[in-house]
Structures are given as structure tokens and as C-alpha cells.
Amino acid sequence: MENQTTLIKQVDLTANPAPLGLVAFGMTTVLLNFHNSGLFPLGSMILAMGIFYGGMAQVIAGIMEWKKGNTFGTTAFTSYGFFWLTLVGLLLLPKMGLWDGPKGSSMVAYFILWGIFTSILFIATLRINKPLQIVFSTLAILFFLLALGDYTGNTTIQHIAGYEGILCGASAIYAGLKQVIDEVYGQ
């Protein structure tokens, strides 16, 4: 009797979660940076987006990327989803009287760590595609501008960070919706 081997190829028919994660990140980033640029005050609309769309939707997208075997997508979406949740926590916990707010240069350290993390992920995007390179390069710049704005207290730097953040968020929306359009039109 001959020993035969049969190869079975499993086809993944689940949806691509990246557009959800990118658009959730992008829309939330645009709204927060409308505030950072001085266009309107921080309020419940931005905080709710940070919790539910920027936060929870990205964590869900990250878990879906894990199921697809995409380490980059898992790491990026879950990390930035939890970024949004921690940022909202940093803003709300003191307002609710549950904990003191960040003191001194603690937010500078927070933004610098996120900037370093994002810069390393940017290196990975050099092997992926141009739209993601734009998203991650502008996001790294945004984190460092936010750190500089907090460090100096300079309103002009904070507003520049806001406008740069709008660009970053818009590039993420584009990158996500481009994937939807490409899939729908079979490209």
C-alpha cells in the first residue's frame, strides 16, 4: 500500500477588518484634532467616539486581525484602540473624582512613548503600502508634536499638532475606505 499525502488549502472567507479599524481610528482622530486645532471644545461627542469607535471598534478589528493571522494589524488596532480608551480614562477619571489627573510632564512621557511605538510600526509599513506609511508617519509626528505642545504649553504648537492630526486622521479614513472600494470593485 502506498503512503499518500493530501494537501488541503483552507480559504479564509471572513471579511477584512482593516477598514473598520482604520476608519474608526481616522474619524476619532479627526474629531479630537478639531479640538486640538482650536476649532471647538472637548466634549462628550469626542469622548464617546474615543470610547466606542476609536476604542472598542479598533480593539474588535484587532481581534479580527488576530484570527486572520495578521500580527501587524492585531498589534496596531488593539494598541490604538486601547490608546483611545486610556486617553479618555485620563480625561474622565479626574473629572469624576476617581483619581488625580496627570501631573507635570507625565502626559509628555505618555505621548513620547506612543510616538516611539508608532515610529517602530512605521518601519513595518515600509513593507506594506503607501497609504499606511502616510498614516503611521503622520501619527508619529502627531504624538511628538503633542508631547512638545504639552511640554512647552505653547498654544501655537498645540494648534499645529491639531491640524497635523486632522491630516493623519483623514489619511487613515482614506486608507480604510480605499480598501472597501477596491474590494467592492474587485481591484
N, C-alpha and C. Protein backbone atom coordinates (compact mmCIF):
# COMPACT_ATOMS: atom_id res chain seq x y z
N MET A 1 0.84 -1.18 0.00
CA MET A 1 0.00 0.00 0.00
C MET A 1 0.89 1.25 0.00
N GLU A 2 0.53 2.20 -0.84
CA GLU A 2 1.29 3.44 -0.97
C GLU A 2 0.84 4.46 0.08
N ASN A 3 1.81 5.20 0.59
CA ASN A 3 1.50 6.26 1.55
C ASN A 3 1.21 7.52 0.76
N GLN A 4 -0.01 7.98 0.80
CA GLN A 4 -0.39 9.18 0.05
C GLN A 4 -0.63 10.34 1.01
N THR A 5 -0.23 11.51 0.56
CA THR A 5 -0.45 12.73 1.33
C THR A 5 -1.39 13.62 0.55
N THR A 6 -2.39 14.12 1.22
CA THR A 6 -3.33 15.05 0.59
C THR A 6 -3.15 16.41 1.25
N LEU A 7 -2.95 17.40 0.42
CA LEU A 7 -2.84 18.77 0.91
C LEU A 7 -4.20 19.44 0.80
N ILE A 8 -4.59 20.07 1.87
CA ILE A 8 -5.85 20.80 1.88
C ILE A 8 -5.52 22.26 2.13
N LYS A 9 -6.00 23.12 1.24
CA LYS A 9 -5.78 24.55 1.41
C LYS A 9 -7.06 25.15 1.99
N GLN A 10 -6.90 25.79 3.12
CA GLN A 10 -8.03 26.45 3.78
C GLN A 10 -8.12 27.87 3.25
N VAL A 11 -9.29 28.25 2.80
CA VAL A 11 -9.51 29.58 2.25
C VAL A 11 -10.22 30.42 3.30
N ASP A 12 -9.66 31.56 3.60
CA ASP A 12 -10.25 32.48 4.57
C ASP A 12 -11.30 33.33 3.86
N LEU A 13 -12.55 33.14 4.20
CA LEU A 13 -13.64 33.89 3.57
C LEU A 13 -14.20 34.98 4.50
N THR A 14 -13.52 35.22 5.62
CA THR A 14 -14.00 36.25 6.53
C THR A 14 -13.64 37.63 5.97
N ALA A 15 -14.40 38.62 6.38
CA ALA A 15 -14.20 39.98 5.89
C ALA A 15 -12.88 40.56 6.39
N ASN A 16 -12.38 41.53 5.66
CA ASN A 16 -11.17 42.25 6.02
C ASN A 16 -11.51 43.26 7.12
N PRO A 17 -10.94 43.12 8.32
CA PRO A 17 -11.27 44.04 9.41
C PRO A 17 -10.50 45.36 9.36
N ALA A 18 -9.49 45.46 8.51
CA ALA A 18 -8.66 46.66 8.48
C ALA A 18 -9.44 47.94 8.18
N PRO A 19 -10.38 47.95 7.22
CA PRO A 19 -11.12 49.19 7.00
C PRO A 19 -11.85 49.69 8.24
N LEU A 20 -12.46 48.77 9.00
CA LEU A 20 -13.13 49.17 10.24
C LEU A 20 -12.15 49.84 11.18
N GLY A 21 -11.00 49.21 11.41
CA GLY A 21 -10.01 49.77 12.32
C GLY A 21 -9.47 51.10 11.85
N LEU A 22 -9.17 51.19 10.56
CA LEU A 22 -8.61 52.44 10.02
C LEU A 22 -9.61 53.58 10.07
N VAL A 23 -10.85 53.32 9.69
CA VAL A 23 -11.85 54.39 9.70
C VAL A 23 -12.21 54.79 11.14
N ALA A 24 -12.29 53.82 12.03
CA ALA A 24 -12.56 54.14 13.44
C ALA A 24 -11.44 55.02 14.01
N PHE A 25 -10.20 54.64 13.72
CA PHE A 25 -9.07 55.46 14.16
C PHE A 25 -9.13 56.85 13.51
N GLY A 26 -9.34 56.86 12.20
CA GLY A 26 -9.30 58.12 11.45
C GLY A 26 -10.37 59.11 11.87
N MET A 27 -11.61 58.65 11.97
CA MET A 27 -12.69 59.57 12.32
C MET A 27 -12.52 60.12 13.73
N THR A 28 -12.11 59.27 14.65
CA THR A 28 -11.91 59.71 16.03
C THR A 28 -10.74 60.69 16.11
N THR A 29 -9.69 60.40 15.35
CA THR A 29 -8.51 61.29 15.33
C THR A 29 -8.87 62.65 14.75
N VAL A 30 -9.64 62.67 13.67
CA VAL A 30 -10.05 63.95 13.08
C VAL A 30 -10.84 64.76 14.11
N LEU A 31 -11.82 64.13 14.77
CA LEU A 31 -12.65 64.88 15.72
C LEU A 31 -11.84 65.42 16.89
N LEU A 32 -10.95 64.60 17.47
CA LEU A 32 -10.13 65.10 18.58
C LEU A 32 -9.25 66.25 18.12
N ASN A 33 -8.75 66.16 16.91
CA ASN A 33 -7.84 67.20 16.45
C ASN A 33 -8.55 68.45 15.94
N PHE A 34 -9.85 68.37 15.68
CA PHE A 34 -10.63 69.60 15.52
C PHE A 34 -10.54 70.39 16.83
N HIS A 35 -10.62 69.66 17.95
CA HIS A 35 -10.46 70.31 19.26
C HIS A 35 -9.03 70.83 19.44
N ASN A 36 -8.03 69.98 19.17
CA ASN A 36 -6.63 70.39 19.37
C ASN A 36 -6.26 71.60 18.53
N SER A 37 -6.87 71.73 17.36
CA SER A 37 -6.56 72.88 16.50
C SER A 37 -7.31 74.13 16.91
N GLY A 38 -8.18 74.00 17.92
CA GLY A 38 -8.88 75.16 18.43
C GLY A 38 -10.23 75.42 17.78
N LEU A 39 -10.73 74.48 16.97
CA LEU A 39 -11.99 74.70 16.26
C LEU A 39 -13.22 74.53 17.15
N PHE A 40 -13.18 73.63 18.13
CA PHE A 40 -14.27 73.52 19.10
C PHE A 40 -13.78 72.83 20.36
N PRO A 41 -14.52 73.01 21.47
CA PRO A 41 -14.05 72.47 22.75
C PRO A 41 -14.18 70.94 22.83
N LEU A 42 -13.44 70.39 23.76
CA LEU A 42 -13.53 68.96 24.06
C LEU A 42 -14.86 68.71 24.75
N GLY A 43 -15.60 67.70 24.27
CA GLY A 43 -16.90 67.42 24.87
C GLY A 43 -17.25 65.95 24.76
N SER A 44 -18.48 65.64 25.11
CA SER A 44 -18.93 64.26 25.15
C SER A 44 -18.90 63.58 23.79
N MET A 45 -19.07 64.34 22.71
CA MET A 45 -19.05 63.74 21.37
C MET A 45 -17.68 63.13 21.10
N ILE A 46 -16.61 63.85 21.40
CA ILE A 46 -15.26 63.35 21.16
C ILE A 46 -14.96 62.19 22.11
N LEU A 47 -15.34 62.34 23.37
CA LEU A 47 -15.07 61.29 24.35
C LEU A 47 -15.84 60.01 24.02
N ALA A 48 -17.09 60.14 23.58
CA ALA A 48 -17.87 58.96 23.20
C ALA A 48 -17.24 58.28 21.98
N MET A 49 -16.79 59.06 21.01
CA MET A 49 -16.09 58.48 19.86
C MET A 49 -14.83 57.76 20.33
N GLY A 50 -14.11 58.34 21.28
CA GLY A 50 -12.90 57.73 21.80
C GLY A 50 -13.16 56.39 22.47
N ILE A 51 -14.27 56.29 23.18
CA ILE A 51 -14.60 55.03 23.85
C ILE A 51 -15.12 54.00 22.85
N PHE A 52 -16.12 54.37 22.08
CA PHE A 52 -16.87 53.37 21.33
C PHE A 52 -16.34 53.11 19.92
N TYR A 53 -15.89 54.13 19.23
CA TYR A 53 -15.44 53.89 17.85
C TYR A 53 -13.92 53.81 17.80
N GLY A 54 -13.25 54.83 18.27
CA GLY A 54 -11.79 54.78 18.29
C GLY A 54 -11.27 53.69 19.21
N GLY A 55 -11.97 53.45 20.31
CA GLY A 55 -11.53 52.46 21.28
C GLY A 55 -12.04 51.06 20.97
N MET A 56 -13.32 50.84 21.21
CA MET A 56 -13.86 49.49 21.11
C MET A 56 -13.83 48.93 19.69
N ALA A 57 -14.18 49.72 18.69
CA ALA A 57 -14.19 49.21 17.31
C ALA A 57 -12.79 48.78 16.88
N GLN A 58 -11.77 49.54 17.30
CA GLN A 58 -10.40 49.15 16.93
C GLN A 58 -9.95 47.89 17.65
N VAL A 59 -10.35 47.73 18.90
CA VAL A 59 -9.99 46.51 19.62
C VAL A 59 -10.66 45.31 18.93
N ILE A 60 -11.91 45.46 18.54
CA ILE A 60 -12.60 44.39 17.81
C ILE A 60 -11.89 44.10 16.50
N ALA A 61 -11.51 45.15 15.76
CA ALA A 61 -10.78 44.94 14.49
C ALA A 61 -9.46 44.23 14.75
N GLY A 62 -8.78 44.58 15.83
CA GLY A 62 -7.52 43.92 16.17
C GLY A 62 -7.69 42.45 16.46
N ILE A 63 -8.76 42.11 17.16
CA ILE A 63 -9.05 40.70 17.45
C ILE A 63 -9.37 39.96 16.15
N MET A 64 -10.10 40.62 15.26
CA MET A 64 -10.40 40.00 13.97
C MET A 64 -9.13 39.81 13.14
N GLU A 65 -8.19 40.76 13.23
CA GLU A 65 -6.91 40.62 12.52
C GLU A 65 -6.13 39.43 13.09
N TRP A 66 -6.22 39.20 14.39
CA TRP A 66 -5.55 38.05 15.01
C TRP A 66 -6.08 36.76 14.40
N LYS A 67 -7.38 36.67 14.24
CA LYS A 67 -7.99 35.48 13.64
C LYS A 67 -7.48 35.26 12.22
N LYS A 68 -7.18 36.33 11.52
CA LYS A 68 -6.67 36.23 10.15
C LYS A 68 -5.16 35.98 10.12
N GLY A 69 -4.51 36.00 11.28
CA GLY A 69 -3.06 35.76 11.34
C GLY A 69 -2.22 36.98 11.01
N ASN A 70 -2.79 38.18 11.16
CA ASN A 70 -2.09 39.42 10.83
C ASN A 70 -1.55 40.05 12.12
N THR A 71 -0.28 39.78 12.40
CA THR A 71 0.34 40.30 13.63
C THR A 71 0.39 41.82 13.63
N PHE A 72 0.73 42.43 12.50
CA PHE A 72 0.79 43.89 12.42
C PHE A 72 -0.58 44.49 12.73
N GLY A 73 -1.62 44.01 12.07
CA GLY A 73 -2.97 44.53 12.28
C GLY A 73 -3.44 44.33 13.71
N THR A 74 -3.15 43.15 14.26
CA THR A 74 -3.53 42.87 15.65
C THR A 74 -2.86 43.85 16.59
N THR A 75 -1.55 44.01 16.42
CA THR A 75 -0.79 44.90 17.31
C THR A 75 -1.25 46.35 17.16
N ALA A 76 -1.39 46.81 15.93
CA ALA A 76 -1.76 48.21 15.71
C ALA A 76 -3.18 48.50 16.20
N PHE A 77 -4.15 47.74 15.74
CA PHE A 77 -5.54 48.07 16.08
C PHE A 77 -5.84 47.90 17.56
N THR A 78 -5.38 46.81 18.18
CA THR A 78 -5.66 46.67 19.61
C THR A 78 -4.92 47.73 20.42
N SER A 79 -3.69 48.03 20.04
CA SER A 79 -2.92 49.05 20.78
C SER A 79 -3.57 50.42 20.67
N TYR A 80 -3.92 50.84 19.45
CA TYR A 80 -4.51 52.17 19.31
C TYR A 80 -5.94 52.21 19.84
N GLY A 81 -6.65 51.08 19.81
CA GLY A 81 -7.95 51.03 20.46
C GLY A 81 -7.82 51.28 21.96
N PHE A 82 -6.83 50.63 22.55
CA PHE A 82 -6.60 50.85 23.99
C PHE A 82 -5.97 52.21 24.25
N PHE A 83 -5.26 52.78 23.27
CA PHE A 83 -4.79 54.17 23.40
C PHE A 83 -6.00 55.08 23.63
N TRP A 84 -7.02 54.92 22.77
CA TRP A 84 -8.19 55.79 22.89
C TRP A 84 -8.88 55.59 24.23
N LEU A 85 -8.98 54.35 24.67
CA LEU A 85 -9.63 54.09 25.96
C LEU A 85 -8.82 54.68 27.12
N THR A 86 -7.50 54.58 27.06
CA THR A 86 -6.68 55.16 28.14
C THR A 86 -6.74 56.69 28.09
N LEU A 87 -6.74 57.26 26.90
CA LEU A 87 -6.80 58.72 26.80
C LEU A 87 -8.11 59.24 27.40
N VAL A 88 -9.21 58.60 27.06
CA VAL A 88 -10.49 59.01 27.64
C VAL A 88 -10.47 58.82 29.15
N GLY A 89 -9.88 57.72 29.61
CA GLY A 89 -9.74 57.49 31.05
C GLY A 89 -8.94 58.59 31.72
N LEU A 90 -7.85 59.00 31.09
CA LEU A 90 -7.02 60.08 31.64
C LEU A 90 -7.80 61.39 31.75
N LEU A 91 -8.72 61.59 30.83
CA LEU A 91 -9.52 62.82 30.84
C LEU A 91 -10.71 62.72 31.81
N LEU A 92 -11.33 61.55 31.88
CA LEU A 92 -12.56 61.42 32.68
C LEU A 92 -12.34 61.08 34.14
N LEU A 93 -11.35 60.26 34.47
CA LEU A 93 -11.15 59.85 35.87
C LEU A 93 -11.03 61.04 36.81
N PRO A 94 -10.23 62.06 36.46
CA PRO A 94 -10.17 63.22 37.36
C PRO A 94 -11.50 63.99 37.44
N LYS A 95 -12.20 64.10 36.31
CA LYS A 95 -13.48 64.82 36.29
C LYS A 95 -14.52 64.12 37.16
N MET A 96 -14.40 62.81 37.26
CA MET A 96 -15.35 62.02 38.06
C MET A 96 -14.91 61.92 39.52
N GLY A 97 -13.76 62.51 39.85
CA GLY A 97 -13.26 62.47 41.21
C GLY A 97 -12.72 61.10 41.62
N LEU A 98 -12.40 60.27 40.64
CA LEU A 98 -11.92 58.92 40.93
C LEU A 98 -10.41 58.84 41.06
N TRP A 99 -9.70 59.81 40.49
CA TRP A 99 -8.24 59.79 40.54
C TRP A 99 -7.74 61.16 40.15
N ASP A 100 -6.54 61.48 40.61
CA ASP A 100 -5.93 62.75 40.20
C ASP A 100 -5.58 62.69 38.72
N GLY A 101 -5.60 63.85 38.09
CA GLY A 101 -5.21 63.94 36.69
C GLY A 101 -3.70 63.86 36.53
N PRO A 102 -3.23 63.70 35.29
CA PRO A 102 -1.80 63.66 35.04
C PRO A 102 -1.11 64.93 35.56
N LYS A 103 0.05 64.76 36.16
CA LYS A 103 0.80 65.89 36.73
C LYS A 103 2.12 66.07 36.01
N GLY A 104 2.59 67.32 36.00
CA GLY A 104 3.91 67.63 35.46
C GLY A 104 4.06 67.17 34.02
N SER A 105 5.12 66.44 33.78
CA SER A 105 5.43 66.02 32.42
C SER A 105 4.92 64.61 32.11
N SER A 106 3.97 64.12 32.89
CA SER A 106 3.50 62.75 32.67
C SER A 106 2.85 62.57 31.30
N MET A 107 2.08 63.54 30.83
CA MET A 107 1.48 63.42 29.50
C MET A 107 2.54 63.52 28.41
N VAL A 108 3.60 64.26 28.67
CA VAL A 108 4.72 64.31 27.72
C VAL A 108 5.30 62.91 27.55
N ALA A 109 5.53 62.22 28.66
CA ALA A 109 6.06 60.85 28.61
C ALA A 109 5.08 59.93 27.89
N TYR A 110 3.80 60.07 28.17
CA TYR A 110 2.75 59.27 27.54
C TYR A 110 2.81 59.42 26.01
N PHE A 111 2.84 60.68 25.55
CA PHE A 111 2.87 60.92 24.11
C PHE A 111 4.19 60.48 23.47
N ILE A 112 5.30 60.66 24.16
CA ILE A 112 6.59 60.22 23.62
C ILE A 112 6.62 58.70 23.46
N LEU A 113 6.13 57.98 24.47
CA LEU A 113 6.09 56.51 24.34
C LEU A 113 5.24 56.07 23.16
N TRP A 114 4.09 56.71 22.98
CA TRP A 114 3.25 56.38 21.83
C TRP A 114 3.94 56.78 20.53
N GLY A 115 4.69 57.86 20.54
CA GLY A 115 5.44 58.28 19.35
C GLY A 115 6.52 57.28 18.97
N ILE A 116 7.22 56.77 19.97
CA ILE A 116 8.27 55.76 19.71
C ILE A 116 7.63 54.48 19.17
N PHE A 117 6.57 54.02 19.83
CA PHE A 117 5.85 52.82 19.38
C PHE A 117 5.40 52.97 17.93
N THR A 118 4.80 54.12 17.62
CA THR A 118 4.29 54.38 16.28
C THR A 118 5.42 54.46 15.27
N SER A 119 6.56 55.04 15.65
CA SER A 119 7.71 55.11 14.74
C SER A 119 8.21 53.71 14.36
N ILE A 120 8.18 52.81 15.32
CA ILE A 120 8.61 51.43 15.04
C ILE A 120 7.60 50.74 14.13
N LEU A 121 6.31 50.96 14.37
CA LEU A 121 5.31 50.39 13.46
C LEU A 121 5.43 51.00 12.07
N PHE A 122 5.80 52.28 12.00
CA PHE A 122 6.01 52.92 10.69
C PHE A 122 7.05 52.15 9.89
N ILE A 123 8.11 51.71 10.55
CA ILE A 123 9.16 50.93 9.86
C ILE A 123 8.54 49.69 9.22
N ALA A 124 7.63 49.04 9.92
CA ALA A 124 6.96 47.86 9.35
C ALA A 124 6.13 48.23 8.13
N THR A 125 5.53 49.43 8.11
CA THR A 125 4.69 49.82 6.97
C THR A 125 5.50 49.98 5.69
N LEU A 126 6.81 50.11 5.81
CA LEU A 126 7.65 50.23 4.61
C LEU A 126 7.57 48.97 3.76
N ARG A 127 7.11 47.86 4.35
CA ARG A 127 6.92 46.61 3.62
C ARG A 127 5.45 46.36 3.29
N ILE A 128 4.58 47.33 3.59
CA ILE A 128 3.14 47.09 3.37
C ILE A 128 2.63 47.95 2.21
N ASN A 129 2.26 49.21 2.45
CA ASN A 129 1.78 50.05 1.35
C ASN A 129 1.91 51.53 1.69
N LYS A 130 1.82 52.37 0.67
CA LYS A 130 1.99 53.82 0.83
C LYS A 130 0.93 54.46 1.73
N PRO A 131 -0.36 54.14 1.57
CA PRO A 131 -1.34 54.79 2.46
C PRO A 131 -1.04 54.54 3.94
N LEU A 132 -0.63 53.32 4.31
CA LEU A 132 -0.30 53.07 5.71
C LEU A 132 0.99 53.78 6.12
N GLN A 133 1.91 53.95 5.20
CA GLN A 133 3.13 54.71 5.51
C GLN A 133 2.76 56.14 5.86
N ILE A 134 1.81 56.71 5.14
CA ILE A 134 1.37 58.08 5.42
C ILE A 134 0.67 58.14 6.77
N VAL A 135 -0.21 57.18 7.04
CA VAL A 135 -0.93 57.16 8.33
C VAL A 135 0.06 57.10 9.48
N PHE A 136 1.00 56.15 9.42
CA PHE A 136 1.90 55.96 10.56
C PHE A 136 2.97 57.04 10.68
N SER A 137 3.42 57.59 9.56
CA SER A 137 4.40 58.69 9.67
C SER A 137 3.74 59.94 10.25
N THR A 138 2.53 60.26 9.77
CA THR A 138 1.85 61.44 10.32
C THR A 138 1.43 61.22 11.76
N LEU A 139 1.11 59.99 12.13
CA LEU A 139 0.74 59.71 13.52
C LEU A 139 1.95 59.85 14.44
N ALA A 140 3.11 59.36 14.01
CA ALA A 140 4.32 59.52 14.83
C ALA A 140 4.61 61.01 15.03
N ILE A 141 4.53 61.77 13.96
CA ILE A 141 4.76 63.22 14.06
C ILE A 141 3.74 63.85 15.02
N LEU A 142 2.48 63.42 14.92
CA LEU A 142 1.44 63.95 15.79
C LEU A 142 1.77 63.70 17.26
N PHE A 143 2.16 62.48 17.61
CA PHE A 143 2.48 62.19 19.01
C PHE A 143 3.63 63.07 19.51
N PHE A 144 4.66 63.25 18.69
CA PHE A 144 5.78 64.08 19.12
C PHE A 144 5.39 65.55 19.21
N LEU A 145 4.52 66.02 18.31
CA LEU A 145 4.03 67.40 18.42
C LEU A 145 3.17 67.58 19.67
N LEU A 146 2.33 66.59 19.98
CA LEU A 146 1.52 66.67 21.21
C LEU A 146 2.41 66.72 22.44
N ALA A 147 3.48 65.90 22.43
CA ALA A 147 4.41 65.92 23.57
C ALA A 147 5.08 67.30 23.68
N LEU A 148 5.52 67.84 22.54
CA LEU A 148 6.16 69.15 22.54
C LEU A 148 5.19 70.24 22.98
N GLY A 149 3.95 70.17 22.50
CA GLY A 149 2.94 71.14 22.90
C GLY A 149 2.66 71.09 24.39
N ASP A 150 2.57 69.88 24.95
CA ASP A 150 2.35 69.75 26.40
C ASP A 150 3.58 70.21 27.18
N TYR A 151 4.75 69.90 26.67
CA TYR A 151 5.99 70.27 27.37
C TYR A 151 6.15 71.78 27.44
N THR A 152 5.90 72.45 26.32
CA THR A 152 6.11 73.90 26.27
C THR A 152 4.88 74.70 26.70
N GLY A 153 3.69 74.08 26.60
CA GLY A 153 2.47 74.82 26.87
C GLY A 153 2.15 75.82 25.77
N ASN A 154 2.83 75.72 24.65
CA ASN A 154 2.68 76.66 23.54
C ASN A 154 1.43 76.33 22.74
N THR A 155 0.47 77.26 22.74
CA THR A 155 -0.80 77.06 22.05
C THR A 155 -0.61 76.91 20.54
N THR A 156 0.34 77.63 19.98
CA THR A 156 0.60 77.53 18.54
C THR A 156 1.04 76.11 18.17
N ILE A 157 1.93 75.53 18.95
CA ILE A 157 2.37 74.15 18.69
C ILE A 157 1.19 73.20 18.84
N GLN A 158 0.36 73.42 19.85
CA GLN A 158 -0.82 72.56 20.05
C GLN A 158 -1.78 72.65 18.87
N HIS A 159 -1.96 73.86 18.33
CA HIS A 159 -2.83 74.03 17.16
C HIS A 159 -2.22 73.40 15.91
N ILE A 160 -0.90 73.54 15.75
CA ILE A 160 -0.22 72.88 14.63
C ILE A 160 -0.40 71.36 14.74
N ALA A 161 -0.25 70.84 15.95
CA ALA A 161 -0.48 69.40 16.18
C ALA A 161 -1.91 69.04 15.77
N GLY A 162 -2.86 69.89 16.10
CA GLY A 162 -4.25 69.63 15.73
C GLY A 162 -4.45 69.52 14.24
N TYR A 163 -3.89 70.47 13.49
CA TYR A 163 -4.03 70.42 12.03
C TYR A 163 -3.30 69.22 11.44
N GLU A 164 -2.15 68.90 12.00
CA GLU A 164 -1.41 67.72 11.55
C GLU A 164 -2.19 66.46 11.88
N GLY A 165 -2.88 66.45 13.02
CA GLY A 165 -3.71 65.32 13.42
C GLY A 165 -4.92 65.14 12.50
N ILE A 166 -5.48 66.25 12.03
CA ILE A 166 -6.58 66.16 11.06
C ILE A 166 -6.08 65.49 9.79
N LEU A 167 -4.89 65.86 9.34
CA LEU A 167 -4.28 65.22 8.17
C LEU A 167 -4.06 63.73 8.42
N CYS A 168 -3.55 63.39 9.59
CA CYS A 168 -3.33 61.98 9.95
C CYS A 168 -4.64 61.20 9.92
N GLY A 169 -5.66 61.73 10.58
CA GLY A 169 -6.95 61.05 10.61
C GLY A 169 -7.56 60.90 9.24
N ALA A 170 -7.47 61.96 8.43
CA ALA A 170 -8.01 61.90 7.07
C ALA A 170 -7.28 60.84 6.24
N SER A 171 -5.97 60.70 6.45
CA SER A 171 -5.22 59.69 5.70
C SER A 171 -5.65 58.28 6.12
N ALA A 172 -6.00 58.09 7.39
CA ALA A 172 -6.48 56.78 7.85
C ALA A 172 -7.86 56.49 7.28
N ILE A 173 -8.73 57.49 7.23
CA ILE A 173 -10.05 57.30 6.62
C ILE A 173 -9.88 56.91 5.16
N TYR A 174 -9.02 57.61 4.44
CA TYR A 174 -8.75 57.28 3.04
C TYR A 174 -8.24 55.85 2.91
N ALA A 175 -7.25 55.48 3.73
CA ALA A 175 -6.66 54.13 3.63
C ALA A 175 -7.71 53.05 3.88
N GLY A 176 -8.60 53.28 4.83
CA GLY A 176 -9.64 52.30 5.13
C GLY A 176 -10.69 52.22 4.04
N LEU A 177 -11.19 53.37 3.61
CA LEU A 177 -12.25 53.37 2.60
C LEU A 177 -11.72 52.93 1.24
N LYS A 178 -10.45 53.18 0.96
CA LYS A 178 -9.84 52.69 -0.29
C LYS A 178 -9.91 51.17 -0.34
N GLN A 179 -9.67 50.51 0.79
CA GLN A 179 -9.75 49.05 0.82
C GLN A 179 -11.18 48.58 0.56
N VAL A 180 -12.17 49.28 1.09
CA VAL A 180 -13.57 48.92 0.85
C VAL A 180 -13.89 49.08 -0.64
N ILE A 181 -13.56 50.22 -1.21
CA ILE A 181 -13.84 50.49 -2.63
C ILE A 181 -13.12 49.47 -3.51
N ASP A 182 -11.84 49.22 -3.21
CA ASP A 182 -11.08 48.24 -4.01
C ASP A 182 -11.73 46.87 -3.97
N GLU A 183 -12.21 46.45 -2.80
CA GLU A 183 -12.84 45.13 -2.69
C GLU A 183 -14.17 45.10 -3.44
N VAL A 184 -14.97 46.15 -3.28
CA VAL A 184 -16.28 46.19 -3.94
C VAL A 184 -16.12 46.17 -5.46
N TYR A 185 -15.12 46.90 -5.97
CA TYR A 185 -14.91 46.99 -7.40
C TYR A 185 -13.93 45.94 -7.93
N GLY A 186 -13.53 45.01 -7.06
CA GLY A 186 -12.69 43.90 -7.49
C GLY A 186 -11.29 44.28 -7.91
N GLN A 187 -10.71 45.26 -7.27
CA GLN A 187 -9.36 45.71 -7.63
C GLN A 187 -8.34 45.17 -6.67
